[in-house]
Amino acid sequence: RTLGGAHPLPWHEVKVRLVTNRRLGRETPTLELDWQRGEDE
């Protein structure tokens, strides 16, 4: 859910990644959902 509404992402169209960024000496994990259908991503 975003301000634009609910975005359904079928399992086969989404890549789930855990990314850890290091800022100010601290590691911060974020969850990235990379969705792609044809040319739309």
PDB file of all heavy atoms in Angstrom:
ATOM      1  N   ARG A   1       0.846  -1.196   0.000  1.00  0.00           N
ATOM      2  CA  ARG A   1       0.000   0.000   0.000  1.00  0.00           C
ATOM      3  C   ARG A   1       0.875   1.238   0.000  1.00  0.00           C
ATOM      4  O   ARG A   1       1.814   1.350   0.774  1.00  0.00           O
ATOM      5  CB  ARG A   1      -0.927   0.015   1.207  1.00  0.00           C
ATOM      6  CG  ARG A   1      -2.087  -0.948   1.045  1.00  0.00           C
ATOM      7  CD  ARG A   1      -3.119  -0.781   2.133  1.00  0.00           C
ATOM      8  NE  ARG A   1      -3.571   0.580   2.300  1.00  0.00           N
ATOM      9  CZ  ARG A   1      -4.659   1.091   1.724  1.00  0.00           C
ATOM     10  NH1 ARG A   1      -5.384   0.357   0.922  1.00  0.00           N
ATOM     11  NH2 ARG A   1      -5.016   2.338   1.958  1.00  0.00           N
ATOM     12  N   THR A   2       0.528   2.175  -0.886  1.00  0.00           N
ATOM     13  CA  THR A   2       1.196   3.473  -0.964  1.00  0.00           C
ATOM     14  C   THR A   2       0.119   4.548  -1.017  1.00  0.00           C
ATOM     15  O   THR A   2      -1.076   4.241  -0.973  1.00  0.00           O
ATOM     16  CB  THR A   2       2.079   3.557  -2.229  1.00  0.00           C
ATOM     17  OG1 THR A   2       1.247   3.490  -3.381  1.00  0.00           O
ATOM     18  CG2 THR A   2       3.116   2.445  -2.268  1.00  0.00           C
ATOM     19  N   LEU A   3       0.527   5.784  -1.168  1.00  0.00           N
ATOM     20  CA  LEU A   3      -0.458   6.857  -1.321  1.00  0.00           C
ATOM     21  C   LEU A   3      -1.289   6.669  -2.578  1.00  0.00           C
ATOM     22  O   LEU A   3      -2.417   7.133  -2.657  1.00  0.00           O
ATOM     23  CB  LEU A   3       0.232   8.219  -1.346  1.00  0.00           C
ATOM     24  CG  LEU A   3       0.769   8.713  -0.010  1.00  0.00           C
ATOM     25  CD1 LEU A   3       1.507  10.030  -0.191  1.00  0.00           C
ATOM     26  CD2 LEU A   3      -0.333   8.868   1.010  1.00  0.00           C
ATOM     27  N   GLY A   4      -0.741   5.979  -3.562  1.00  0.00           N
ATOM     28  CA  GLY A   4      -1.455   5.711  -4.803  1.00  0.00           C
ATOM     29  C   GLY A   4      -2.429   4.554  -4.718  1.00  0.00           C
ATOM     30  O   GLY A   4      -3.092   4.225  -5.689  1.00  0.00           O
ATOM     31  N   GLY A   5      -2.515   3.907  -3.571  1.00  0.00           N
ATOM     32  CA  GLY A   5      -3.426   2.783  -3.391  1.00  0.00           C
ATOM     33  C   GLY A   5      -2.675   1.481  -3.195  1.00  0.00           C
ATOM     34  O   GLY A   5      -1.464   1.455  -2.984  1.00  0.00           O
ATOM     35  N   ALA A   6      -3.405   0.388  -3.294  1.00  0.00           N
ATOM     36  CA  ALA A   6      -2.831  -0.945  -3.102  1.00  0.00           C
ATOM     37  C   ALA A   6      -2.267  -1.451  -4.425  1.00  0.00           C
ATOM     38  O   ALA A   6      -2.891  -1.316  -5.475  1.00  0.00           O
ATOM     39  CB  ALA A   6      -3.878  -1.905  -2.573  1.00  0.00           C
ATOM     40  N   HIS A   7      -1.075  -2.030  -4.362  1.00  0.00           N
ATOM     41  CA  HIS A   7      -0.403  -2.570  -5.543  1.00  0.00           C
ATOM     42  C   HIS A   7      -0.227  -4.075  -5.363  1.00  0.00           C
ATOM     43  O   HIS A   7       0.664  -4.507  -4.632  1.00  0.00           O
ATOM     44  CB  HIS A   7       0.965  -1.921  -5.739  1.00  0.00           C
ATOM     45  CG  HIS A   7       0.916  -0.439  -5.877  1.00  0.00           C
ATOM     46  ND1 HIS A   7       0.708   0.174  -7.087  1.00  0.00           N
ATOM     47  CD2 HIS A   7       1.026   0.555  -4.960  1.00  0.00           C
ATOM     48  CE1 HIS A   7       0.709   1.484  -6.909  1.00  0.00           C
ATOM     49  NE2 HIS A   7       0.889   1.735  -5.621  1.00  0.00           N
ATOM     50  N   PRO A   8      -1.062  -4.892  -6.035  1.00  0.00           N
ATOM     51  CA  PRO A   8      -0.886  -6.339  -5.935  1.00  0.00           C
ATOM     52  C   PRO A   8       0.307  -6.783  -6.785  1.00  0.00           C
ATOM     53  O   PRO A   8       0.452  -6.377  -7.935  1.00  0.00           O
ATOM     54  CB  PRO A   8      -2.197  -6.903  -6.472  1.00  0.00           C
ATOM     55  CG  PRO A   8      -2.789  -5.818  -7.288  1.00  0.00           C
ATOM     56  CD  PRO A   8      -2.249  -4.522  -6.786  1.00  0.00           C
ATOM     57  N   LEU A   9       1.169  -7.602  -6.195  1.00  0.00           N
ATOM     58  CA  LEU A   9       2.370  -8.090  -6.875  1.00  0.00           C
ATOM     59  C   LEU A   9       2.358  -9.611  -6.858  1.00  0.00           C
ATOM     60  O   LEU A   9       2.624 -10.212  -5.816  1.00  0.00           O
ATOM     61  CB  LEU A   9       3.634  -7.575  -6.167  1.00  0.00           C
ATOM     62  CG  LEU A   9       3.719  -6.081  -5.864  1.00  0.00           C
ATOM     63  CD1 LEU A   9       4.941  -5.775  -5.013  1.00  0.00           C
ATOM     64  CD2 LEU A   9       3.748  -5.289  -7.142  1.00  0.00           C
ATOM     65  N   PRO A  10       2.042 -10.260  -7.979  1.00  0.00           N
ATOM     66  CA  PRO A  10       2.068 -11.722  -8.012  1.00  0.00           C
ATOM     67  C   PRO A  10       3.478 -12.245  -7.729  1.00  0.00           C
ATOM     68  O   PRO A  10       4.479 -11.611  -8.086  1.00  0.00           O
ATOM     69  CB  PRO A  10       1.642 -12.064  -9.441  1.00  0.00           C
ATOM     70  CG  PRO A  10       0.959 -10.834  -9.950  1.00  0.00           C
ATOM     71  CD  PRO A  10       1.595  -9.688  -9.245  1.00  0.00           C
ATOM     72  N   TRP A  11       3.560 -13.411  -7.100  1.00  0.00           N
ATOM     73  CA  TRP A  11       4.857 -13.973  -6.715  1.00  0.00           C
ATOM     74  C   TRP A  11       5.833 -14.055  -7.877  1.00  0.00           C
ATOM     75  O   TRP A  11       7.015 -13.752  -7.725  1.00  0.00           O
ATOM     76  CB  TRP A  11       4.678 -15.361  -6.110  1.00  0.00           C
ATOM     77  CG  TRP A  11       4.195 -15.366  -4.704  1.00  0.00           C
ATOM     78  CD1 TRP A  11       2.987 -15.818  -4.263  1.00  0.00           C
ATOM     79  CD2 TRP A  11       4.891 -14.925  -3.535  1.00  0.00           C
ATOM     80  NE1 TRP A  11       2.892 -15.674  -2.900  1.00  0.00           N
ATOM     81  CE2 TRP A  11       4.049 -15.130  -2.429  1.00  0.00           C
ATOM     82  CE3 TRP A  11       6.142 -14.354  -3.316  1.00  0.00           C
ATOM     83  CZ2 TRP A  11       4.421 -14.804  -1.134  1.00  0.00           C
ATOM     84  CZ3 TRP A  11       6.516 -14.036  -2.019  1.00  0.00           C
ATOM     85  CH2 TRP A  11       5.662 -14.262  -0.947  1.00  0.00           C
ATOM     86  N   HIS A  12       5.360 -14.474  -9.050  1.00  0.00           N
ATOM     87  CA  HIS A  12       6.269 -14.702 -10.176  1.00  0.00           C
ATOM     88  C   HIS A  12       6.777 -13.404 -10.812  1.00  0.00           C
ATOM     89  O   HIS A  12       7.686 -13.443 -11.634  1.00  0.00           O
ATOM     90  CB  HIS A  12       5.615 -15.600 -11.227  1.00  0.00           C
ATOM     91  CG  HIS A  12       4.439 -14.963 -11.917  1.00  0.00           C
ATOM     92  ND1 HIS A  12       3.183 -14.915 -11.344  1.00  0.00           N
ATOM     93  CD2 HIS A  12       4.341 -14.344 -13.104  1.00  0.00           C
ATOM     94  CE1 HIS A  12       2.362 -14.296 -12.161  1.00  0.00           C
ATOM     95  NE2 HIS A  12       3.033 -13.931 -13.242  1.00  0.00           N
ATOM     96  N   GLU A  13       6.226 -12.259 -10.418  1.00  0.00           N
ATOM     97  CA  GLU A  13       6.646 -10.972 -10.999  1.00  0.00           C
ATOM     98  C   GLU A  13       7.482 -10.127 -10.036  1.00  0.00           C
ATOM     99  O   GLU A  13       7.882  -9.023 -10.383  1.00  0.00           O
ATOM    100  CB  GLU A  13       5.412 -10.156 -11.404  1.00  0.00           C
ATOM    101  CG  GLU A  13       4.617 -10.777 -12.517  1.00  0.00           C
ATOM    102  CD  GLU A  13       3.374  -9.985 -12.852  1.00  0.00           C
ATOM    103  OE1 GLU A  13       3.044  -9.018 -12.131  1.00  0.00           O
ATOM    104  OE2 GLU A  13       2.712 -10.327 -13.844  1.00  0.00           O
ATOM    105  N   VAL A  14       7.759 -10.627  -8.848  1.00  0.00           N
ATOM    106  CA  VAL A  14       8.457  -9.813  -7.854  1.00  0.00           C
ATOM    107  C   VAL A  14       9.707 -10.534  -7.343  1.00  0.00           C
ATOM    108  O   VAL A  14       9.709 -11.740  -7.155  1.00  0.00           O
ATOM    109  CB  VAL A  14       7.510  -9.436  -6.691  1.00  0.00           C
ATOM    110  CG1 VAL A  14       7.106 -10.631  -5.879  1.00  0.00           C
ATOM    111  CG2 VAL A  14       8.107  -8.372  -5.814  1.00  0.00           C
ATOM    112  N   LYS A  15      10.762  -9.740  -7.183  1.00  0.00           N
ATOM    113  CA  LYS A  15      11.995 -10.227  -6.566  1.00  0.00           C
ATOM    114  C   LYS A  15      12.089  -9.582  -5.193  1.00  0.00           C
ATOM    115  O   LYS A  15      11.953  -8.371  -5.047  1.00  0.00           O
ATOM    116  CB  LYS A  15      13.218  -9.833  -7.401  1.00  0.00           C
ATOM    117  CG  LYS A  15      13.281 -10.500  -8.731  1.00  0.00           C
ATOM    118  CD  LYS A  15      14.493 -10.002  -9.498  1.00  0.00           C
ATOM    119  CE  LYS A  15      14.437 -10.527 -10.928  1.00  0.00           C
ATOM    120  NZ  LYS A  15      15.460  -9.905 -11.767  1.00  0.00           N
ATOM    121  N   VAL A  16      12.317 -10.401  -4.191  1.00  0.00           N
ATOM    122  CA  VAL A  16      12.432  -9.917  -2.811  1.00  0.00           C
ATOM    123  C   VAL A  16      13.908  -9.918  -2.436  1.00  0.00           C
ATOM    124  O   VAL A  16      14.582 -10.941  -2.550  1.00  0.00           O
ATOM    125  CB  VAL A  16      11.642 -10.825  -1.845  1.00  0.00           C
ATOM    126  CG1 VAL A  16      11.816 -10.366  -0.416  1.00  0.00           C
ATOM    127  CG2 VAL A  16      10.175 -10.870  -2.234  1.00  0.00           C
ATOM    128  N   ARG A  17      14.413  -8.753  -2.029  1.00  0.00           N
ATOM    129  CA  ARG A  17      15.824  -8.624  -1.649  1.00  0.00           C
ATOM    130  C   ARG A  17      15.939  -7.903  -0.321  1.00  0.00           C
ATOM    131  O   ARG A  17      15.198  -6.959  -0.055  1.00  0.00           O
ATOM    132  CB  ARG A  17      16.589  -7.797  -2.687  1.00  0.00           C
ATOM    133  CG  ARG A  17      16.989  -8.519  -3.912  1.00  0.00           C
ATOM    134  CD  ARG A  17      17.999  -7.692  -4.705  1.00  0.00           C
ATOM    135  NE  ARG A  17      17.571  -6.313  -4.911  1.00  0.00           N
ATOM    136  CZ  ARG A  17      17.101  -5.845  -6.052  1.00  0.00           C
ATOM    137  NH1 ARG A  17      16.962  -6.634  -7.080  1.00  0.00           N
ATOM    138  NH2 ARG A  17      16.759  -4.581  -6.158  1.00  0.00           N
ATOM    139  N   LEU A  18      16.893  -8.347   0.463  1.00  0.00           N
ATOM    140  CA  LEU A  18      17.248  -7.644   1.681  1.00  0.00           C
ATOM    141  C   LEU A  18      18.545  -6.909   1.405  1.00  0.00           C
ATOM    142  O   LEU A  18      19.538  -7.510   1.011  1.00  0.00           O
ATOM    143  CB  LEU A  18      17.424  -8.620   2.838  1.00  0.00           C
ATOM    144  CG  LEU A  18      17.723  -7.987   4.179  1.00  0.00           C
ATOM    145  CD1 LEU A  18      16.515  -7.215   4.682  1.00  0.00           C
ATOM    146  CD2 LEU A  18      18.127  -9.040   5.175  1.00  0.00           C
ATOM    147  N   VAL A  19      18.534  -5.593   1.570  1.00  0.00           N
ATOM    148  CA  VAL A  19      19.704  -4.766   1.296  1.00  0.00           C
ATOM    149  C   VAL A  19      20.118  -4.100   2.601  1.00  0.00           C
ATOM    150  O   VAL A  19      19.277  -3.561   3.332  1.00  0.00           O
ATOM    151  CB  VAL A  19      19.388  -3.702   0.226  1.00  0.00           C
ATOM    152  CG1 VAL A  19      20.573  -2.796  -0.013  1.00  0.00           C
ATOM    153  CG2 VAL A  19      18.949  -4.369  -1.061  1.00  0.00           C
ATOM    154  N   THR A  20      21.409  -4.130   2.879  1.00  0.00           N
ATOM    155  CA  THR A  20      21.932  -3.490   4.080  1.00  0.00           C
ATOM    156  C   THR A  20      22.810  -2.320   3.663  1.00  0.00           C
ATOM    157  O   THR A  20      23.765  -2.491   2.905  1.00  0.00           O
ATOM    158  CB  THR A  20      22.735  -4.488   4.924  1.00  0.00           C
ATOM    159  OG1 THR A  20      21.900  -5.608   5.218  1.00  0.00           O
ATOM    160  CG2 THR A  20      23.186  -3.860   6.218  1.00  0.00           C
ATOM    161  N   ASN A  21      22.456  -1.140   4.122  1.00  0.00           N
ATOM    162  CA  ASN A  21      23.229   0.074   3.847  1.00  0.00           C
ATOM    163  C   ASN A  21      23.971   0.492   5.097  1.00  0.00           C
ATOM    164  O   ASN A  21      23.443   0.387   6.204  1.00  0.00           O
ATOM    165  CB  ASN A  21      22.307   1.219   3.412  1.00  0.00           C
ATOM    166  CG  ASN A  21      21.597   0.893   2.124  1.00  0.00           C
ATOM    167  OD1 ASN A  21      22.213   0.485   1.158  1.00  0.00           O
ATOM    168  ND2 ASN A  21      20.288   1.057   2.130  1.00  0.00           N
ATOM    169  N   ARG A  22      25.181   0.974   4.908  1.00  0.00           N
ATOM    170  CA  ARG A  22      25.971   1.459   6.039  1.00  0.00           C
ATOM    171  C   ARG A  22      26.001   2.980   5.998  1.00  0.00           C
ATOM    172  O   ARG A  22      26.514   3.584   5.058  1.00  0.00           O
ATOM    173  CB  ARG A  22      27.376   0.891   5.972  1.00  0.00           C
ATOM    174  CG  ARG A  22      28.189   1.185   7.192  1.00  0.00           C
ATOM    175  CD  ARG A  22      29.488   0.369   7.163  1.00  0.00           C
ATOM    176  NE  ARG A  22      30.268   0.603   8.335  1.00  0.00           N
ATOM    177  CZ  ARG A  22      30.106  -0.028   9.492  1.00  0.00           C
ATOM    178  NH1 ARG A  22      29.167  -0.943   9.593  1.00  0.00           N
ATOM    179  NH2 ARG A  22      30.860   0.241  10.521  1.00  0.00           N
ATOM    180  N   ARG A  23      25.424   3.588   7.044  1.00  0.00           N
ATOM    181  CA  ARG A  23      25.396   5.048   7.142  1.00  0.00           C
ATOM    182  C   ARG A  23      25.732   5.453   8.560  1.00  0.00           C
ATOM    183  O   ARG A  23      25.185   4.895   9.514  1.00  0.00           O
ATOM    184  CB  ARG A  23      24.021   5.585   6.781  1.00  0.00           C
ATOM    185  CG  ARG A  23      23.708   5.370   5.337  1.00  0.00           C
ATOM    186  CD  ARG A  23      22.640   6.312   4.859  1.00  0.00           C
ATOM    187  NE  ARG A  23      22.446   6.097   3.441  1.00  0.00           N
ATOM    188  CZ  ARG A  23      21.311   5.765   2.887  1.00  0.00           C
ATOM    189  NH1 ARG A  23      20.238   5.628   3.625  1.00  0.00           N
ATOM    190  NH2 ARG A  23      21.231   5.585   1.586  1.00  0.00           N
ATOM    191  N   LEU A  24      26.597   6.439   8.672  1.00  0.00           N
ATOM    192  CA  LEU A  24      27.005   6.961   9.972  1.00  0.00           C
ATOM    193  C   LEU A  24      27.489   5.853  10.901  1.00  0.00           C
ATOM    194  O   LEU A  24      27.213   5.855  12.096  1.00  0.00           O
ATOM    195  CB  LEU A  24      25.854   7.738  10.624  1.00  0.00           C
ATOM    196  CG  LEU A  24      25.315   8.936   9.828  1.00  0.00           C
ATOM    197  CD1 LEU A  24      24.084   9.513  10.505  1.00  0.00           C
ATOM    198  CD2 LEU A  24      26.386   9.992   9.670  1.00  0.00           C
ATOM    199  N   GLY A  25      28.188   4.871  10.340  1.00  0.00           N
ATOM    200  CA  GLY A  25      28.744   3.790  11.136  1.00  0.00           C
ATOM    201  C   GLY A  25      27.743   2.764  11.598  1.00  0.00           C
ATOM    202  O   GLY A  25      28.040   1.922  12.436  1.00  0.00           O
ATOM    203  N   ARG A  26      26.545   2.795  11.045  1.00  0.00           N
ATOM    204  CA  ARG A  26      25.489   1.870  11.460  1.00  0.00           C
ATOM    205  C   ARG A  26      24.895   1.195  10.244  1.00  0.00           C
ATOM    206  O   ARG A  26      24.630   1.842   9.236  1.00  0.00           O
ATOM    207  CB  ARG A  26      24.409   2.652  12.200  1.00  0.00           C
ATOM    208  CG  ARG A  26      23.320   1.810  12.724  1.00  0.00           C
ATOM    209  CD  ARG A  26      22.376   2.630  13.565  1.00  0.00           C
ATOM    210  NE  ARG A  26      21.302   1.760  13.994  1.00  0.00           N
ATOM    211  CZ  ARG A  26      20.078   2.147  14.207  1.00  0.00           C
ATOM    212  NH1 ARG A  26      19.765   3.409  14.065  1.00  0.00           N
ATOM    213  NH2 ARG A  26      19.162   1.299  14.577  1.00  0.00           N
ATOM    214  N   GLU A  27      24.679  -0.113  10.333  1.00  0.00           N
ATOM    215  CA  GLU A  27      24.061  -0.845   9.229  1.00  0.00           C
ATOM    216  C   GLU A  27      22.541  -0.803   9.369  1.00  0.00           C
ATOM    217  O   GLU A  27      22.011  -1.081  10.438  1.00  0.00           O
ATOM    218  CB  GLU A  27      24.552  -2.287   9.209  1.00  0.00           C
ATOM    219  CG  GLU A  27      25.998  -2.397   8.811  1.00  0.00           C
ATOM    220  CD  GLU A  27      26.450  -3.830   8.636  1.00  0.00           C
ATOM    221  OE1 GLU A  27      25.654  -4.748   8.905  1.00  0.00           O
ATOM    222  OE2 GLU A  27      27.601  -4.022   8.238  1.00  0.00           O
ATOM    223  N   THR A  28      21.887  -0.439   8.275  1.00  0.00           N
ATOM    224  CA  THR A  28      20.438  -0.334   8.260  1.00  0.00           C
ATOM    225  C   THR A  28      19.872  -1.251   7.183  1.00  0.00           C
ATOM    226  O   THR A  28      20.116  -1.032   5.996  1.00  0.00           O
ATOM    227  CB  THR A  28      20.009   1.123   7.968  1.00  0.00           C
ATOM    228  OG1 THR A  28      20.643   1.983   8.904  1.00  0.00           O
ATOM    229  CG2 THR A  28      18.512   1.286   8.074  1.00  0.00           C
ATOM    230  N   PRO A  29      19.098  -2.275   7.571  1.00  0.00           N
ATOM    231  CA  PRO A  29      18.518  -3.161   6.569  1.00  0.00           C
ATOM    232  C   PRO A  29      17.240  -2.565   5.968  1.00  0.00           C
ATOM    233  O   PRO A  29      16.467  -1.897   6.653  1.00  0.00           O
ATOM    234  CB  PRO A  29      18.203  -4.432   7.348  1.00  0.00           C
ATOM    235  CG  PRO A  29      17.950  -3.954   8.738  1.00  0.00           C
ATOM    236  CD  PRO A  29      18.830  -2.748   8.926  1.00  0.00           C
ATOM    237  N   THR A  30      17.042  -2.783   4.692  1.00  0.00           N
ATOM    238  CA  THR A  30      15.795  -2.412   4.019  1.00  0.00           C
ATOM    239  C   THR A  30      15.338  -3.601   3.179  1.00  0.00           C
ATOM    240  O   THR A  30      16.151  -4.396   2.709  1.00  0.00           O
ATOM    241  CB  THR A  30      15.958  -1.184   3.108  1.00  0.00           C
ATOM    242  OG1 THR A  30      16.983  -1.451   2.152  1.00  0.00           O
ATOM    243  CG2 THR A  30      16.304   0.055   3.899  1.00  0.00           C
ATOM    244  N   LEU A  31      14.051  -3.714   3.011  1.00  0.00           N
ATOM    245  CA  LEU A  31      13.469  -4.759   2.187  1.00  0.00           C
ATOM    246  C   LEU A  31      13.105  -4.145   0.848  1.00  0.00           C
ATOM    247  O   LEU A  31      12.358  -3.170   0.794  1.00  0.00           O
ATOM    248  CB  LEU A  31      12.220  -5.330   2.868  1.00  0.00           C
ATOM    249  CG  LEU A  31      11.533  -6.490   2.167  1.00  0.00           C
ATOM    250  CD1 LEU A  31      12.429  -7.724   2.174  1.00  0.00           C
ATOM    251  CD2 LEU A  31      10.208  -6.792   2.823  1.00  0.00           C
ATOM    252  N   GLU A  32      13.645  -4.697  -0.229  1.00  0.00           N
ATOM    253  CA  GLU A  32      13.353  -4.188  -1.572  1.00  0.00           C
ATOM    254  C   GLU A  32      12.484  -5.199  -2.309  1.00  0.00           C
ATOM    255  O   GLU A  32      12.814  -6.378  -2.371  1.00  0.00           O
ATOM    256  CB  GLU A  32      14.640  -3.949  -2.355  1.00  0.00           C
ATOM    257  CG  GLU A  32      15.447  -2.799  -1.836  1.00  0.00           C
ATOM    258  CD  GLU A  32      16.625  -2.455  -2.725  1.00  0.00           C
ATOM    259  OE1 GLU A  32      16.869  -3.164  -3.732  1.00  0.00           O
ATOM    260  OE2 GLU A  32      17.315  -1.466  -2.414  1.00  0.00           O
ATOM    261  N   LEU A  33      11.389  -4.708  -2.858  1.00  0.00           N
ATOM    262  CA  LEU A  33      10.495  -5.512  -3.685  1.00  0.00           C
ATOM    263  C   LEU A  33      10.587  -4.962  -5.095  1.00  0.00           C
ATOM    264  O   LEU A  33      10.108  -3.865  -5.371  1.00  0.00           O
ATOM    265  CB  LEU A  33       9.061  -5.434  -3.158  1.00  0.00           C
ATOM    266  CG  LEU A  33       8.871  -5.809  -1.690  1.00  0.00           C
ATOM    267  CD1 LEU A  33       7.443  -5.560  -1.260  1.00  0.00           C
ATOM    268  CD2 LEU A  33       9.274  -7.241  -1.441  1.00  0.00           C
ATOM    269  N   ASP A  34      11.225  -5.706  -5.963  1.00  0.00           N
ATOM    270  CA  ASP A  34      11.456  -5.282  -7.344  1.00  0.00           C
ATOM    271  C   ASP A  34      10.435  -5.976  -8.225  1.00  0.00           C
ATOM    272  O   ASP A  34      10.512  -7.180  -8.456  1.00  0.00           O
ATOM    273  CB  ASP A  34      12.884  -5.647  -7.748  1.00  0.00           C
ATOM    274  CG  ASP A  34      13.306  -5.013  -9.052  1.00  0.00           C
ATOM    275  OD1 ASP A  34      12.545  -4.189  -9.592  1.00  0.00           O
ATOM    276  OD2 ASP A  34      14.395  -5.349  -9.533  1.00  0.00           O
ATOM    277  N   TRP A  35       9.457  -5.204  -8.720  1.00  0.00           N
ATOM    278  CA  TRP A  35       8.366  -5.754  -9.519  1.00  0.00           C
ATOM    279  C   TRP A  35       8.580  -5.409 -10.983  1.00  0.00           C
ATOM    280  O   TRP A  35       8.963  -4.295 -11.329  1.00  0.00           O
ATOM    281  CB  TRP A  35       7.040  -5.175  -9.043  1.00  0.00           C
ATOM    282  CG  TRP A  35       5.881  -5.508  -9.921  1.00  0.00           C
ATOM    283  CD1 TRP A  35       5.173  -6.671  -9.931  1.00  0.00           C
ATOM    284  CD2 TRP A  35       5.291  -4.676 -10.919  1.00  0.00           C
ATOM    285  NE1 TRP A  35       4.179  -6.604 -10.878  1.00  0.00           N
ATOM    286  CE2 TRP A  35       4.237  -5.389 -11.505  1.00  0.00           C
ATOM    287  CE3 TRP A  35       5.570  -3.401 -11.384  1.00  0.00           C
ATOM    288  CZ2 TRP A  35       3.442  -4.865 -12.511  1.00  0.00           C
ATOM    289  CZ3 TRP A  35       4.784  -2.879 -12.396  1.00  0.00           C
ATOM    290  CH2 TRP A  35       3.736  -3.601 -12.949  1.00  0.00           C
ATOM    291  N   GLN A  36       8.351  -6.398 -11.853  1.00  0.00           N
ATOM    292  CA  GLN A  36       8.473  -6.144 -13.286  1.00  0.00           C
ATOM    293  C   GLN A  36       7.452  -6.989 -14.044  1.00  0.00           C
ATOM    294  O   GLN A  36       7.313  -8.188 -13.821  1.00  0.00           O
ATOM    295  CB  GLN A  36       9.874  -6.490 -13.769  1.00  0.00           C
ATOM    296  CG  GLN A  36      10.088  -6.124 -15.212  1.00  0.00           C
ATOM    297  CD  GLN A  36      11.539  -6.294 -15.634  1.00  0.00           C
ATOM    298  OE1 GLN A  36      12.361  -6.802 -14.892  1.00  0.00           O
ATOM    299  NE2 GLN A  36      11.841  -5.864 -16.834  1.00  0.00           N
ATOM    300  N   ARG A  37       6.731  -6.314 -14.954  1.00  0.00           N
ATOM    301  CA  ARG A  37       5.778  -6.972 -15.850  1.00  0.00           C
ATOM    302  C   ARG A  37       5.973  -6.333 -17.209  1.00  0.00           C
ATOM    303  O   ARG A  37       5.584  -5.188 -17.440  1.00  0.00           O
ATOM    304  CB  ARG A  37       4.350  -6.766 -15.371  1.00  0.00           C
ATOM    305  CG  ARG A  37       3.314  -7.419 -16.308  1.00  0.00           C
ATOM    306  CD  ARG A  37       1.892  -7.129 -15.907  1.00  0.00           C
ATOM    307  NE  ARG A  37       1.606  -7.694 -14.598  1.00  0.00           N
ATOM    308  CZ  ARG A  37       0.672  -7.238 -13.782  1.00  0.00           C
ATOM    309  NH1 ARG A  37      -0.060  -6.196 -14.131  1.00  0.00           N
ATOM    310  NH2 ARG A  37       0.466  -7.795 -12.616  1.00  0.00           N
ATOM    311  N   GLY A  38       6.588  -7.069 -18.126  1.00  0.00           N
ATOM    312  CA  GLY A  38       6.875  -6.518 -19.445  1.00  0.00           C
ATOM    313  C   GLY A  38       7.814  -5.342 -19.331  1.00  0.00           C
ATOM    314  O   GLY A  38       8.888  -5.433 -18.762  1.00  0.00           O
ATOM    315  N   GLU A  39       7.397  -4.209 -19.876  1.00  0.00           N
ATOM    316  CA  GLU A  39       8.208  -2.988 -19.812  1.00  0.00           C
ATOM    317  C   GLU A  39       7.984  -2.195 -18.521  1.00  0.00           C
ATOM    318  O   GLU A  39       8.748  -1.303 -18.208  1.00  0.00           O
ATOM    319  CB  GLU A  39       7.884  -2.083 -21.014  1.00  0.00           C
ATOM    320  CG  GLU A  39       8.296  -2.679 -22.346  1.00  0.00           C
ATOM    321  CD  GLU A  39       9.799  -2.801 -22.481  1.00  0.00           C
ATOM    322  OE1 GLU A  39      10.526  -1.868 -22.085  1.00  0.00           O
ATOM    323  OE2 GLU A  39      10.253  -3.854 -22.956  1.00  0.00           O
ATOM    324  N   ASP A  40       6.906  -2.517 -17.797  1.00  0.00           N
ATOM    325  CA  ASP A  40       6.604  -1.806 -16.553  1.00  0.00           C
ATOM    326  C   ASP A  40       7.427  -2.392 -15.412  1.00  0.00           C
ATOM    327  O   ASP A  40       7.558  -3.608 -15.287  1.00  0.00           O
ATOM    328  CB  ASP A  40       5.116  -1.936 -16.211  1.00  0.00           C
ATOM    329  CG  ASP A  40       4.230  -1.280 -17.231  1.00  0.00           C
ATOM    330  OD1 ASP A  40       4.687  -0.310 -17.868  1.00  0.00           O
ATOM    331  OD2 ASP A  40       3.077  -1.722 -17.393  1.00  0.00           O
ATOM    332  N   GLU A  41       7.965  -1.501 -14.599  1.00  0.00           N
ATOM    333  CA  GLU A  41       8.695  -1.960 -13.421  1.00  0.00           C
ATOM    334  C   GLU A  41       8.581  -0.919 -12.318  1.00  0.00           C
ATOM    335  O   GLU A  41       8.374   0.261 -12.567  1.00  0.00           O
ATOM    336  CB  GLU A  41      10.158  -2.253 -13.738  1.00  0.00           C
ATOM    337  CG  GLU A  41      10.946  -1.076 -14.245  1.00  0.00           C
ATOM    338  CD  GLU A  41      12.373  -1.461 -14.616  1.00  0.00           C
ATOM    339  OE1 GLU A  41      12.854  -2.523 -14.204  1.00  0.00           O
ATOM    340  OE2 GLU A  41      12.996  -0.672 -15.313  1.00  0.00           O
TER     341      GLU A  41
END
